[in-house]
Every structure is written in structure tokens, then in C-alpha cells.
Protein backbone atom coordinates (compact mmCIF):
# COMPACT_ATOMS: atom_id res chain seq x y z
CA UNK A 1 -5.50 15.39 -21.92
CA UNK A 2 -3.83 12.66 -19.93
CA UNK A 3 -2.06 10.72 -22.66
CA UNK A 4 1.64 10.07 -22.50
CA UNK A 5 3.89 11.34 -25.25
CA UNK A 6 6.97 9.16 -25.04
CA UNK A 7 10.10 9.70 -27.08
CA UNK A 8 12.51 7.10 -25.76
CA UNK A 9 15.33 7.18 -28.28
CA UNK A 10 17.37 3.97 -28.44
CA UNK A 11 15.43 2.43 -25.54
CA UNK A 12 12.10 2.44 -27.39
CA UNK A 13 12.12 -1.26 -28.31
CA UNK A 14 13.00 -2.58 -24.86
CA UNK A 15 10.34 -0.35 -23.30
CA UNK A 16 7.73 -1.56 -25.77
CA UNK A 17 8.63 -5.19 -25.05
CA UNK A 18 8.40 -4.75 -21.30
CA UNK A 19 5.13 -2.85 -21.60
CA UNK A 20 3.62 -5.66 -23.66
CA UNK A 21 4.81 -8.19 -21.09
CA UNK A 22 3.19 -6.33 -18.19
CA UNK A 23 -0.04 -5.83 -20.11
CA UNK A 24 -0.24 -9.51 -20.94
CA UNK A 25 0.34 -10.41 -17.28
CA UNK A 26 -2.34 -7.86 -16.22
CA UNK A 27 0.14 -6.09 -13.98
CA UNK A 28 -2.04 -2.97 -13.58
CA UNK A 29 -5.06 -4.98 -12.53
CA UNK A 30 -2.98 -6.98 -10.05
CA UNK A 31 -1.57 -3.79 -8.56
CA UNK A 32 -5.06 -2.32 -8.23
CA UNK A 33 -5.97 -5.51 -6.36
CA UNK A 34 -2.93 -5.03 -4.04
CA UNK A 35 -1.05 -8.14 -5.21
CA UNK A 36 1.99 -8.46 -2.92
CA UNK A 37 3.96 -10.63 -5.37
CA UNK A 38 4.60 -7.90 -7.95
CA UNK A 39 7.94 -6.84 -6.45
CA UNK A 40 9.46 -10.27 -5.84
CA UNK A 41 11.08 -10.90 -2.50
CA UNK A 42 10.68 -13.63 0.09
CA UNK A 43 7.71 -14.32 2.36
CA UNK A 44 8.87 -11.80 4.98
CA UNK A 45 9.17 -9.07 2.38
CA UNK A 46 5.70 -9.84 1.07
CA UNK A 47 4.21 -9.62 4.56
CA UNK A 48 5.82 -6.21 4.90
CA UNK A 49 4.52 -5.13 1.48
CA UNK A 50 1.00 -6.27 2.41
CA UNK A 51 1.11 -3.81 5.29
CA UNK A 52 1.99 -0.92 2.94
CA UNK A 53 -0.51 -1.19 0.08
CA UNK A 54 -3.37 0.77 1.61
CA UNK A 55 -2.45 3.80 -0.53
CA UNK A 56 -3.77 2.10 -3.67
CA UNK A 57 -7.42 2.55 -2.67
CA UNK A 58 -6.96 5.17 0.02
CA UNK A 59 -8.79 7.82 -1.99
CA UNK A 60 -11.88 5.62 -2.17
CA UNK A 61 -11.86 5.09 1.60
CA UNK A 62 -11.01 8.68 2.48
CA UNK A 63 -13.70 10.18 0.29
CA UNK A 64 -16.18 8.91 2.87
CA UNK A 65 -14.35 10.91 5.56
CA UNK A 66 -14.21 14.14 3.58
CA UNK A 67 -17.12 15.62 5.48
CA UNK A 68 -15.33 14.93 8.76
CA UNK A 69 -12.23 16.81 7.59
CA UNK A 70 -14.24 19.75 6.26
CA UNK A 71 -16.28 20.01 9.47
CA UNK A 72 -13.08 20.08 11.51
CA UNK A 73 -11.65 22.86 9.36
CA UNK A 74 -14.82 24.88 9.84
CA UNK A 75 -14.69 24.23 13.61
CA UNK A 76 -11.15 25.56 14.05
CA UNK A 77 -11.83 28.61 11.88
CA UNK A 78 -14.89 29.42 14.00
CA UNK A 79 -12.75 28.97 17.13
CA UNK A 80 -10.60 31.89 15.97
CA UNK A 81 -7.59 30.13 14.51
CA UNK A 82 -6.11 31.87 11.48
CA UNK A 83 -2.88 29.90 10.98
CA UNK A 84 -1.84 26.24 10.94
CA UNK A 85 1.68 25.19 11.90
CA UNK A 86 2.30 21.65 10.71
CA UNK A 87 5.09 19.80 12.52
CA UNK A 88 6.20 16.91 10.32
CA UNK A 89 8.96 15.24 8.39
CA UNK A 90 9.15 13.51 5.01
CA UNK A 91 5.83 12.10 3.88
CA UNK A 92 3.88 13.85 6.62
CA UNK A 93 5.12 17.33 5.67
CA UNK A 94 5.96 17.37 1.96
CA UNK A 95 2.46 16.83 0.57
CA UNK A 96 0.84 19.50 2.78
CA UNK A 97 3.60 21.91 1.75
CA UNK A 98 2.83 21.19 -1.93
CA UNK A 99 -0.87 21.88 -1.40
CA UNK A 100 -0.13 25.10 0.49
CA UNK A 101 2.33 26.41 -2.08
CA UNK A 102 0.29 25.40 -5.15
CA UNK A 103 -3.21 26.30 -3.98
CA UNK A 104 -2.62 28.73 -1.13
CA UNK A 105 -5.35 29.60 1.32
CA UNK A 106 -8.81 29.35 -0.22
CA UNK A 107 -11.82 31.38 0.99
CA UNK A 108 -12.66 30.26 4.53
CA UNK A 109 -9.36 28.44 4.89
CA UNK A 110 -6.34 29.01 7.10
CA UNK A 111 -2.74 29.83 6.21
CA UNK A 112 -0.57 26.73 6.50
CA UNK A 113 3.11 26.73 7.40
CA UNK A 114 5.35 23.66 7.66
CA UNK A 115 8.20 23.11 10.13
CA UNK A 116 10.46 20.23 9.06
CA UNK A 117 13.82 21.87 9.77
CA UNK A 118 15.66 21.35 13.06
CA UNK A 119 17.93 24.37 12.62
CA UNK A 120 17.44 26.73 15.58
CA UNK A 121 16.65 29.65 13.28
CA UNK A 122 13.88 27.69 11.52
CA UNK A 123 12.33 26.60 14.83
CA UNK A 124 12.53 30.14 16.20
CA UNK A 125 10.85 31.57 13.10
CA UNK A 126 8.09 28.94 13.00
CA UNK A 127 7.15 29.42 16.66
CA UNK A 128 7.04 33.21 16.40
CA UNK A 129 3.35 33.35 15.49
CA UNK A 130 0.56 34.12 17.95
CA UNK A 131 -0.02 30.83 19.85
CA UNK A 132 -3.65 31.76 20.55
CA UNK A 133 -4.35 31.98 16.79
CA UNK A 134 -2.14 29.08 15.67
CA UNK A 135 -3.42 25.51 15.36
CA UNK A 136 -0.44 23.18 15.76
CA UNK A 137 -0.86 20.07 13.64
CA UNK A 138 1.52 17.31 14.80
CA UNK A 139 1.90 14.72 12.02
CA UNK A 140 3.89 11.51 12.39
CA UNK A 141 3.05 8.02 11.17
CA UNK A 142 5.30 6.32 13.71
CA UNK A 143 4.55 8.84 16.42
CA UNK A 144 8.17 8.80 17.53
CA UNK A 145 10.19 10.66 14.89
CA UNK A 146 12.88 12.58 16.76
CA UNK A 147 12.36 15.79 14.79
CA UNK A 148 8.57 15.87 15.28
CA UNK A 149 8.85 14.91 18.95
CA UNK A 150 11.30 17.77 19.51
CA UNK A 151 9.14 20.25 17.60
CA UNK A 152 6.08 19.25 19.62
CA UNK A 153 7.84 19.75 22.93
CA UNK A 154 8.99 23.22 21.95
CA UNK A 155 5.59 24.24 20.58
CA UNK A 156 3.67 22.84 23.55
CA UNK A 157 5.92 24.58 26.08
CA UNK A 158 5.23 27.85 24.30
CA UNK A 159 1.48 27.20 24.26
CA UNK A 160 1.55 26.41 27.98
CA UNK A 161 2.85 29.92 28.61
CA UNK A 162 -0.16 31.46 26.84
CA UNK A 163 -2.81 32.97 29.14
CA UNK A 164 -5.86 30.83 28.22
CA UNK A 165 -4.71 27.79 30.24
CA UNK A 166 -5.84 25.21 27.66
CA UNK A 167 -2.77 24.54 25.47
CA UNK A 168 -4.04 21.19 24.22
CA UNK A 169 -6.97 22.80 22.46
CA UNK A 170 -4.52 24.45 20.07
CA UNK A 171 -3.07 21.07 19.06
CA UNK A 172 -4.23 18.29 16.74
CA UNK A 173 -2.45 15.03 15.88
CA UNK A 174 -2.36 12.81 12.82
CA UNK A 175 -0.78 9.42 13.45
CA UNK A 176 -1.26 5.66 13.21
CA UNK A 177 -3.33 3.84 15.81
CA UNK A 178 -1.57 2.98 19.06
CA UNK A 179 1.46 5.26 18.71
CA UNK A 180 3.15 7.23 21.47
CA UNK A 181 1.90 10.40 19.78
CA UNK A 182 -1.71 9.22 20.02
CA UNK A 183 -1.25 8.53 23.74
CA UNK A 184 0.45 11.91 24.28
CA UNK A 185 -2.33 13.72 22.43
CA UNK A 186 -5.00 12.07 24.56
CA UNK A 187 -3.05 12.85 27.74
CA UNK A 188 -2.54 16.52 26.82
CA UNK A 189 -6.13 17.03 25.72
CA UNK A 190 -5.50 17.74 22.04
CA UNK A 191 -8.48 19.18 20.20
CA UNK A 192 -8.58 16.19 17.86
CA UNK A 193 -6.64 13.03 17.03
CA UNK A 194 -6.96 11.72 13.47
CA UNK A 195 -5.87 8.09 13.32
CA UNK A 196 -4.72 7.04 9.87
CA UNK A 197 -4.96 3.53 8.38
CA UNK A 198 -1.77 1.73 9.43
CA UNK A 199 -1.29 0.07 6.02
CA UNK A 200 -0.09 3.27 4.31
CA UNK A 201 3.62 4.15 4.23
CA UNK A 202 4.64 7.74 4.90
CA UNK A 203 5.68 8.79 1.40
CA UNK A 204 2.50 7.24 -0.05
CA UNK A 205 0.22 8.97 2.48
CA UNK A 206 -0.87 12.11 0.63
CA UNK A 207 -4.36 10.74 -0.10
CA UNK A 208 -4.97 9.92 3.55
CA UNK A 209 -5.41 11.98 6.73
CA UNK A 210 -1.84 13.24 6.35
CA UNK A 211 -2.67 15.12 3.17
CA UNK A 212 -6.42 15.58 3.31
CA UNK A 213 -6.74 17.16 6.76
CA UNK A 214 -4.28 19.93 5.75
CA UNK A 215 -6.12 20.23 2.42
CA UNK A 216 -9.39 20.86 4.27
CA UNK A 217 -7.72 23.39 6.58
CA UNK A 218 -6.50 25.30 3.51
CA UNK A 219 -10.09 25.48 2.28
CA UNK A 220 -9.78 22.81 -0.41
CA UNK A 221 -12.49 20.19 -0.93
CA UNK A 222 -10.95 16.85 0.12
CA UNK A 223 -13.73 14.95 -1.64
CA UNK A 224 -12.78 16.59 -4.95
CA UNK A 225 -9.10 15.79 -4.40
CA UNK A 226 -10.04 12.15 -3.79
CA UNK A 227 -12.36 12.04 -6.80
CA UNK A 228 -9.48 12.93 -9.12
CA UNK A 229 -7.41 10.08 -7.65
CA UNK A 230 -10.29 7.61 -7.96
CA UNK A 231 -10.60 8.50 -11.64
CA UNK A 232 -6.86 8.00 -12.14
CA UNK A 233 -7.01 4.55 -10.52
CA UNK A 234 -9.96 3.60 -12.74
CA UNK A 235 -7.94 4.54 -15.84
CA UNK A 236 -5.02 2.50 -14.54
CA UNK A 237 -7.26 -0.54 -13.96
CA UNK A 238 -8.69 -0.31 -17.47
CA UNK A 239 -5.50 -0.40 -19.51
CA UNK A 240 -2.63 0.86 -17.35
CA UNK A 241 -2.92 4.37 -18.76
CA UNK A 242 -0.10 6.88 -18.46
CA UNK A 243 1.10 5.48 -15.13
CA UNK A 244 1.93 2.02 -16.48
CA UNK A 245 3.64 3.39 -19.60
CA UNK A 246 5.65 6.00 -17.71
CA UNK A 247 6.61 3.57 -14.95
CA UNK A 248 7.88 1.02 -17.45
CA UNK A 249 9.78 3.70 -19.36
CA UNK A 250 11.46 5.11 -16.27
CA UNK A 251 12.39 1.65 -15.01
CA UNK A 252 13.86 0.46 -18.28
CA UNK A 253 15.65 3.75 -18.94
CA UNK A 254 17.24 3.54 -15.48
CA UNK A 255 18.37 -0.01 -16.20
CA UNK A 256 20.06 1.23 -19.37
CA UNK A 257 21.83 4.13 -17.62
CA UNK A 258 19.37 7.01 -18.06
CA UNK A 259 18.62 7.18 -14.34
CA UNK A 260 18.61 10.96 -13.73
CA UNK A 261 14.91 11.87 -13.85
CA UNK A 262 14.94 15.58 -14.70
CA UNK A 263 11.63 17.21 -13.81
CA UNK A 264 10.09 19.93 -15.97
CA UNK A 265 7.11 21.39 -14.11
CA UNK A 266 4.92 24.44 -14.73
CA UNK A 267 5.88 27.45 -12.57
CA UNK A 268 2.77 27.15 -10.42
CA UNK A 269 3.55 23.48 -9.71
CA UNK A 270 7.26 23.76 -8.85
CA UNK A 271 6.55 22.72 -5.24
CA UNK A 272 5.46 19.30 -6.53
CA UNK A 273 9.08 18.48 -7.38
CA UNK A 274 10.18 17.98 -3.75
CA UNK A 275 7.32 15.54 -3.15
CA UNK A 276 8.15 13.56 -6.33
CA UNK A 277 11.80 13.61 -5.30
CA UNK A 278 11.10 11.85 -2.00
CA UNK A 279 8.63 9.39 -3.49
CA UNK A 280 10.89 8.24 -6.33
CA UNK A 281 14.30 8.43 -4.64
CA UNK A 282 13.31 6.75 -1.38
CA UNK A 283 11.28 4.07 -3.17
CA UNK A 284 13.81 3.09 -5.86
CA UNK A 285 17.20 3.90 -4.31
CA UNK A 286 18.34 0.56 -2.92
CA UNK A 287 20.20 -2.63 -3.84
CA UNK A 288 22.82 -0.50 -5.65
CA UNK A 289 20.34 0.95 -8.13
CA UNK A 290 17.67 3.62 -8.30
CA UNK A 291 16.28 6.67 -10.06
CA UNK A 292 17.60 10.09 -9.03
CA UNK A 293 15.00 12.86 -9.39
CA UNK A 294 16.57 16.17 -10.44
CA UNK A 295 14.36 18.99 -9.23
CA UNK A 296 14.90 22.68 -9.87
CA UNK A 297 17.52 22.62 -12.62
CA UNK A 298 16.64 25.15 -15.35
CA UNK A 299 15.87 23.51 -18.69
CA UNK A 300 18.84 23.88 -21.02
CA UNK A 301 20.06 23.00 -24.51
CA UNK A 302 20.79 19.35 -25.43
CA UNK A 303 24.58 19.83 -25.33
CA UNK A 304 24.36 20.79 -21.65
CA UNK A 305 23.47 17.23 -20.62
CA UNK A 306 25.32 13.94 -20.48
CA UNK A 307 23.70 10.73 -21.71
CA UNK A 308 22.26 9.69 -18.34
CA UNK A 309 19.16 11.90 -18.37
CA UNK A 310 15.46 11.32 -18.87
CA UNK A 311 13.21 14.37 -18.98
CA UNK A 312 9.68 14.19 -17.57
CA UNK A 313 7.53 17.21 -18.31
CA UNK A 314 4.12 17.71 -16.73
CA UNK A 315 1.91 20.49 -18.04
CA UNK A 316 -1.07 22.27 -16.58
CA UNK A 317 -2.93 22.87 -19.76
CA UNK A 318 -0.64 23.15 -22.77
CA UNK A 319 3.13 23.62 -22.52
CA UNK A 320 4.55 27.07 -23.09
CA UNK A 321 6.02 27.35 -26.61
CA UNK A 322 9.57 27.83 -25.31
CA UNK A 323 9.32 24.79 -23.06
CA UNK A 324 7.91 22.63 -25.85
CA UNK A 325 10.66 23.74 -28.22
CA UNK A 326 13.31 22.78 -25.66
CA UNK A 327 11.73 19.38 -25.14
CA UNK A 328 11.59 18.80 -28.89
CA UNK A 329 15.26 19.71 -29.22
CA UNK A 330 16.21 17.29 -26.45
CA UNK A 331 14.22 14.47 -28.03
CA UNK A 332 15.68 15.20 -31.48
CA UNK A 333 19.20 14.64 -30.13
CA UNK A 334 18.33 11.32 -28.48
CA UNK A 335 17.53 12.37 -24.92
CA UNK A 336 14.46 10.44 -23.67
CA UNK A 337 11.47 12.74 -23.08
CA UNK A 338 8.14 11.89 -21.43
CA UNK A 339 5.34 14.44 -21.21
CA UNK A 340 1.67 14.71 -20.34
CA UNK A 341 -0.78 17.47 -19.38
CA UNK A 342 -3.58 17.99 -16.87
CA UNK A 343 -6.52 20.41 -17.14
CA UNK A 344 -6.15 23.88 -15.63
CA UNK A 345 -8.67 23.13 -12.87
CA UNK A 346 -6.80 20.07 -11.59
CA UNK A 347 -6.37 19.91 -7.78
CA UNK A 348 -3.38 17.47 -7.89
CA UNK A 349 -5.26 14.44 -6.54
CA UNK A 350 -4.87 12.53 -9.80
CA UNK A 351 -1.25 13.61 -10.22
CA UNK A 352 -0.38 12.44 -6.71
CA UNK A 353 -1.80 8.97 -7.36
CA UNK A 354 -0.30 8.83 -10.84
CA UNK A 355 3.20 9.32 -9.47
CA UNK A 356 2.61 6.73 -6.76
CA UNK A 357 1.58 4.23 -9.44
CA UNK A 358 4.48 5.23 -11.71
CA UNK A 359 6.91 4.67 -8.85
CA UNK A 360 5.44 1.28 -7.96
CA UNK A 361 5.68 0.15 -11.60
CA UNK A 362 9.23 1.46 -12.08
CA UNK A 363 10.30 -0.30 -8.88
CA UNK A 364 8.98 -3.59 -10.19
CA UNK A 365 10.97 -3.14 -13.40
CA UNK A 366 14.07 -2.36 -11.30
CA UNK A 367 13.34 -5.35 -9.02
CA UNK A 368 13.31 -3.34 -5.79
CA UNK A 369 10.75 -3.13 -2.99
CA UNK A 370 9.31 0.40 -3.20
CA UNK A 371 7.82 0.33 0.28
CA UNK A 372 10.87 -0.05 2.53
CA UNK A 373 13.74 2.33 3.30
CA UNK A 374 16.50 0.10 4.67
CA UNK A 375 19.22 2.76 4.75
CA UNK A 376 17.28 5.62 6.33
CA UNK A 377 17.76 4.02 9.74
CA UNK A 378 21.55 4.23 9.34
CA UNK A 379 21.57 8.01 9.57
CA UNK A 380 19.09 7.91 12.47
CA UNK A 381 21.33 5.50 14.37
CA UNK A 382 24.40 7.60 13.59
CA UNK A 383 22.62 10.68 14.93
CA UNK A 384 21.82 8.86 18.16
CA UNK A 385 25.47 7.83 18.52
CA UNK A 386 26.56 11.45 18.17
CA UNK A 387 23.95 12.56 20.72
CA UNK A 388 25.14 9.85 23.12
CA UNK A 389 28.69 11.22 22.86
CA UNK A 390 27.34 14.71 23.51
CA UNK A 391 25.63 13.53 26.70
CA UNK A 392 28.86 11.92 27.87
CA UNK A 393 31.28 14.73 26.99
CA UNK A 394 28.91 17.76 27.10
CA UNK A 395 30.20 18.87 23.68
CA UNK A 396 29.87 17.95 20.03
CA UNK A 397 32.70 15.72 18.75
CA UNK A 398 34.60 17.40 15.95
CA UNK A 399 37.45 16.15 13.77
CA UNK A 400 40.25 18.42 12.68
CA UNK A 401 39.59 20.19 9.34
CA UNK A 402 41.67 19.26 6.31
CA UNK A 403 42.04 22.96 5.45
CA UNK A 404 40.91 26.32 6.82
CA UNK A 405 40.27 29.83 5.61
CA UNK A 406 38.76 32.73 7.57
CA UNK A 407 35.18 31.68 8.47
CA UNK A 408 35.43 28.53 6.30
CA UNK A 409 36.71 25.06 7.21
CA UNK A 410 36.93 22.02 4.93
CA UNK A 411 36.44 18.44 6.14
CA UNK A 412 36.75 15.20 4.16
CA UNK A 413 37.38 11.52 5.00
CA UNK A 414 40.82 10.08 4.37
CA UNK A 415 39.78 8.22 1.22
CA UNK A 416 38.95 11.53 -0.53
CA UNK A 417 42.09 13.05 -2.04
CA UNK A 418 42.51 16.78 -1.50
CA UNK A 419 45.25 19.27 -2.22
CA UNK A 420 45.35 23.04 -1.82
CA UNK A 421 44.30 25.36 0.94
CA UNK A 422 42.12 28.05 -0.71
CA UNK A 423 38.40 27.77 -1.28
CA UNK A 424 38.98 27.88 -5.05
CA UNK A 425 41.23 24.85 -4.70
CA UNK A 426 38.55 23.14 -2.63
CA UNK A 427 36.04 23.83 -5.40
CA UNK A 428 38.45 22.42 -7.99
CA UNK A 429 38.98 19.30 -5.90
CA UNK A 430 35.24 18.79 -5.47
CA UNK A 431 34.51 19.18 -9.17
CA UNK A 432 37.47 16.93 -9.99
CA UNK A 433 35.79 14.06 -8.15
CA UNK A 434 32.90 14.06 -10.65
CA UNK A 435 33.15 11.52 -13.46
CA UNK A 436 30.93 9.89 -16.07
CA UNK A 437 27.35 9.20 -14.89
CA UNK A 438 28.06 10.87 -11.54
CA UNK A 439 25.73 13.34 -9.89
CA UNK A 440 26.51 16.21 -7.52
CA UNK A 441 24.42 16.50 -4.35
CA UNK A 442 24.62 19.72 -2.38
CA UNK A 443 23.47 19.03 1.19
CA UNK A 444 22.64 22.21 3.08
CA UNK A 445 22.39 22.17 6.87
CA UNK A 446 21.11 25.69 7.44
CA UNK A 447 17.87 27.60 7.71
CA UNK A 448 16.67 28.34 4.21
CA UNK A 449 16.36 32.00 3.21
CA UNK A 450 16.13 33.47 -0.31
CA UNK A 451 19.70 34.79 -0.15
CA UNK A 452 21.14 31.49 1.05
CA UNK A 453 19.14 29.49 -1.48
CA UNK A 454 20.40 31.76 -4.27
CA UNK A 455 24.04 31.23 -3.24
CA UNK A 456 23.60 27.47 -3.10
CA UNK A 457 21.91 27.46 -6.50
CA UNK A 458 24.95 29.33 -7.88
CA UNK A 459 27.22 26.53 -6.67
CA UNK A 460 24.92 23.96 -8.20
CA UNK A 461 24.78 25.79 -11.54
CA UNK A 462 28.56 26.24 -11.66
CA UNK A 463 29.12 22.51 -11.15
CA UNK A 464 26.58 21.60 -13.81
CA UNK A 465 28.06 24.01 -16.36
CA UNK A 466 31.55 22.60 -15.83
CA UNK A 467 30.68 18.89 -15.79
CA UNK A 468 27.21 18.44 -17.38
CA UNK A 469 26.46 16.28 -14.30
CA UNK A 470 23.01 16.16 -12.75
CA UNK A 471 22.81 18.27 -9.61
CA UNK A 472 20.51 18.23 -6.61
CA UNK A 473 20.04 20.54 -3.64
CA UNK A 474 18.68 19.13 -0.38
CA UNK A 475 18.15 20.76 3.00
CA UNK A 476 18.84 18.74 6.11
CA UNK A 477 17.25 17.00 7.85
CA UNK A 478 14.50 16.90 5.20
CA UNK A 479 16.65 15.11 2.61
CA UNK A 480 17.51 12.34 5.09
CA UNK A 481 13.89 11.20 4.67
CA UNK A 482 14.03 11.61 0.89
CA UNK A 483 17.12 11.34 -1.29
CA UNK A 484 19.13 10.16 1.73
CA UNK A 485 17.99 6.59 1.05
CA UNK A 486 19.29 6.73 -2.53
CA UNK A 487 22.55 8.39 -1.46
CA UNK A 488 23.36 5.34 0.65
CA UNK A 489 21.39 2.49 -0.92
CA UNK A 490 21.74 3.46 -4.58
CA UNK A 491 24.79 3.20 -6.81
CA UNK A 492 28.11 4.87 -6.01
CA UNK A 493 27.79 7.69 -8.54
CA UNK A 494 27.22 10.47 -6.01
CA UNK A 495 29.61 13.27 -5.07
CA UNK A 496 28.37 15.02 -1.93
CA UNK A 497 29.12 18.47 -0.53
CA UNK A 498 27.71 19.22 2.92
CA UNK A 499 27.46 22.85 3.98
CA UNK A 500 26.96 23.51 7.70
CA UNK A 501 26.59 26.76 9.67
CA UNK A 502 26.12 28.12 13.20
CA UNK A 503 22.73 29.65 14.01
CA UNK A 504 22.39 30.08 17.79
CA UNK A 505 20.20 27.69 19.74
CA UNK A 506 16.65 26.95 20.85
CA UNK A 507 15.89 24.63 23.80
CA UNK A 508 14.17 21.26 23.51
CA UNK A 509 12.13 20.83 26.69
CA UNK A 510 13.04 17.61 28.50
CA UNK A 511 16.44 17.31 26.81
CA UNK A 512 19.87 18.35 28.02
CA UNK A 513 20.66 19.59 24.50
CA UNK A 514 18.88 22.05 22.24
CA UNK A 515 18.11 22.20 18.53
CA UNK A 516 21.65 23.35 17.68
CA UNK A 517 23.06 20.06 18.94
CA UNK A 518 20.29 17.98 17.34
CA UNK A 519 20.77 19.70 13.97
CA UNK A 520 24.56 19.32 14.13
CA UNK A 521 24.28 15.68 15.23
CA UNK A 522 22.02 14.89 12.28
CA UNK A 523 24.50 16.44 9.85
CA UNK A 524 27.42 14.64 11.50
CA UNK A 525 25.55 11.34 11.47
CA UNK A 526 24.82 11.58 7.76
CA UNK A 527 28.43 12.55 7.01
CA UNK A 528 29.67 9.59 9.07
CA UNK A 529 27.44 7.11 7.21
CA UNK A 530 28.41 8.44 3.77
CA UNK A 531 32.08 8.30 4.74
CA UNK A 532 31.81 4.78 6.16
CA UNK A 533 30.23 3.65 2.89
CA UNK A 534 33.20 5.04 0.95
CA UNK A 535 31.19 7.80 -0.68
CA UNK A 536 32.95 10.88 -2.02
CA UNK A 537 31.82 13.41 0.58
CA UNK A 538 33.21 16.78 1.65
CA UNK A 539 31.95 19.24 4.24
CA UNK A 540 32.44 22.99 4.39
CA UNK A 541 31.57 24.63 7.70
CA UNK A 542 30.69 28.31 7.57
CA UNK A 543 31.28 30.20 10.82
CA UNK A 544 30.26 33.76 11.49
CA UNK A 545 27.95 35.38 8.93
CA UNK A 546 26.35 32.57 6.85
CA UNK A 547 25.48 34.87 3.94
CA UNK A 548 29.05 36.17 3.65
CA UNK A 549 30.52 32.67 3.88
CA UNK A 550 28.13 31.25 1.29
CA UNK A 551 28.89 34.16 -1.03
CA UNK A 552 32.62 33.38 -0.83
CA UNK A 553 31.98 29.69 -1.47
CA UNK A 554 29.69 30.36 -4.44
CA UNK A 555 32.21 32.77 -5.94
CA UNK A 556 35.00 30.21 -5.53
CA UNK A 557 33.00 27.59 -7.45
CA UNK A 558 32.05 30.06 -10.17
CA UNK A 559 35.60 31.28 -10.67
CA UNK A 560 37.19 27.84 -10.60
CA UNK A 561 34.65 26.13 -12.85
CA UNK A 562 34.91 28.97 -15.37
CA UNK A 563 38.49 27.81 -15.99
CA UNK A 564 37.34 24.23 -16.60
CA UNK A 565 34.75 24.92 -19.29
């Protein structure tokens, strides 16, 4: 258990040299002691880093609060709540979603649902549950995230309409001390406010109130989750363990061009990929470099991949024979492969901390600060500019499409060359933008359903088959707080296809616009920033029936890429 099997191909020597260097400098021990100098930077950067290292020993501190979390979960169950609706974004929502999807509701626990999608259809669906049986958990480190603030207003207005007259008792907040959310929660009489240590960044917050309160509500033992993380940190302090070796390998491989981290996870742990994606992409994707996590691509034969991949396989128990054979074949042809296993009973606490440590080590090798997100604010500011124009003109600004078909319209900035008017020609133009070491990012601004996800995955698979490029699929606005940092702050090897739709509207109390405008403004803001940075970005807007439009688009990519193979 818990040993790294590393087959690094031609990069083996440079990885071994860097690993020896970090062991001799006692890097792991310095990280465990929260040494702010490990990632370089000036004095201001180090002050900022010092305020973000609480995650290293968070499990130790939070284990003492486990009883508090468990008692709260028992209290709300006894009060008659059967469902938890978590309103969050990025680090405050991804980890609880992983725990809910991997472990489900345990005996005595509550069902947990996450709302991190501003599409009107997603908001409408999330708020459809019985408000008298739903505990609304409002989670935001800053306390002012526009998505969470909007969700809270909509949920609270609905609770106010319930007959019991005490809407606040159905709400609980998790936030940093002194935020606007804490003040609002006190004012509205929330059932509980959990204040989190302020020295923990959002994407590193799983082993804090943001992850452990939802864990307790699901019926998990937060003390046991923390104990696994404490054991992982102890192994790291002793000799670096798997985390130091894997972090060095991923950092050096990225420096040499193998920067597409392709995840191979057991079926029951597939939800973990989205959390790893945010952690790694947002931490490393800056200064024109970074590691792109590739989540959800089926494992294929060696010839299906270009030379920019590294495969990381995590097993729960032993690997299935077919998976192990595929990994062996990849390693035999020179593709770097890292793999390790956890016991069947593992609750993910150790794996969460391991990936946090891996990411911190890899960032040091890449010479980037893993605790800031300098480009995330660009999309936020662009969204606010779009919303300001909406308030002035009472309508969403919209450029003329470059081409149109019934129910489909294609948009692209002037620096992206396009020719042709049919959707098959659009697909050919998009695929033609992809060159060596490029990746294809499909950015979906629509409420996720199985049918829509399947159509988008068909587009992704068609592009991969035709180009061998790494592909990712992100749903907005979630990806803005995840891979969005790497899209803008990383290298210029991305080709981006936005897909937007129309899905009615839901009001945001206190605002002149509803969720339709907010969702559209977020998509437009991201498109504007990518375009301004000279990225190769296209947008296809689907009007009318989203399923029919996505089917046509998927078929166009499949037919066109079949001619290119």
C-alpha cells in the first residue's frame, strides 16, 4: 500500500536528481513546518503565502472539532431535515460533492446536493425540494462570491414563503471570520455559523469546516477523515513519501513538456477528478506554465496519445487487470506513468492531503506560487463589466455571429481564421486550430443533464481521435474557479470551444436581472478575456431545443473528424 510506482521514461534521471536535491534540503520537513520561502517570490508574496498555509496542519486542528460537527449533524437530523442543499463555488463545493458522490448518505446522515451552477434550469431544479426539510448550507470563504450570494438570495426568498415563519433556522453558513456572509447569517438568524481558519485557501480547504461539516451531515466520521490525513502528513515528514516523489515527478515532467496530467481513477472514485482538476490547474497554471489535469478521458492504447502526457493512476485496492495492462503498455512505449493504491476502507482524507502536498511540491519545481490565482479576477471583472452594460441598456450586449445555421450561431474573435458556413465546416475549422502540444477545452454554459453530457463527450472524443490532443470538459461557471486560471495564466496551447444555450430565467431577489443574465454575463466575460489574451476561442450558441442543437453539433464533429483520421 501507499508506495509510488514511477516509470518516468527519458525523464527518470532529472527526476531522480531533483528528488535527491529536495531530500538533502529537507524540503518535506520545511513544508510541514509551513516554511514560506519554498516557492520563491518577494517579501509581499511570502506574506501572502504565510496567510495560506493553514491547510498543512488543518486536519490536526479540525480533529478536535469533530465532535462539534457530528453533534450538529445529529441536531439537524433530529429537527426533521432530510436533505442538505450546499450553495458554493470552487473549493467550497467540489470537495463536498466528491464526498457525496463517493460515499453517499451513510446511516443517520442526510442526502447532500450541491448548487454551483448559475444556469436558470440548475437553480430551478436545486430549489425544487421541500424547504421545510432542506437545510441550506451557504459556503463561501470570502463571503461575497457573486454566485453564492445570488443563490442565497433565491433560496432565502423561497424559505421566507414557507409557513413556519423561521426561515433562518433552515440555513447554516461556513465562512471566514468577519465576512459579509457571517454578518448576514447573524442578522437572518441562521441556525449555525461555522467560522473557518482564515489561513486556508479555498481549494485547499477540504480538511476544514468546508469539507468536514458536509462530511458529518452525510453521516461520515470527520475524526476518521482527519486521522487519515494526519497519518499522510506524518509519512511526508518522515521521508517525503509518495507526495514528494509524485510532486517532483509531475513538476519535472511538466518542465520537459509532459504537462497533460491524465487521471486514471477507479469507477467509484471518478468524482475525485474534478477536485484534483481545480487543485492542480488553479495552483500551477500561471506565469505561462502549468499542469493541465485531464479528467474523464477513457484510457486508450499508447498510439492514441501524443508525447505530452503523464498518466497518474490511483487504485482503491489493486488495479483491475485490464487497467494495469493498459498502464504497462503506456509505460513500455515511453509514456510516463505514476501509480499508487489505497486500502478499500479509505475515506479519502489521506488522498485529499496527498494531492495538496503533491501540488505544493510540483509548484515549487515549476517555480510558481500555488496559493494565488491572479487571473481568476479577470473573468470576474469582465462579468461585472457586462452586467454594468446590461443595467445601462436593459439588454445583453451581443456581437454579430460569424456564421449561422438554424438554431446554431458561431462566434469567434477576428484573430481566429474561419471559413465555411455549415456546422461541419465549423468543426473542421476548430480542429484545424489544434497543433502540437495543444489541448482542446470544451466549455459548456448549460445545465448539465445526462443527454447533454453525452453529446459533449462525443465532441470531445471526436477531437481526441482526430488529433491525439488532450481534451477537457468544463461547465461554467464552475470551471472559472478551476481550469479558468490555467486557461489564462498558463501557456498558449489551449483551443477553446464555448457552447451556450437559452434556458428561461429565475429571479435574483434584490437585482434588476435574473440568473439568465448572470449566467450569460459570466460566459461573455470569460470569452472576452480569452479573446483579449489572443487565445484561440470559438463560441457556438444553441437556440431552441438544447438537446437537438447539441446532437447536431456532436454529429458535425464526428462526421468531419472521421475524414481527418
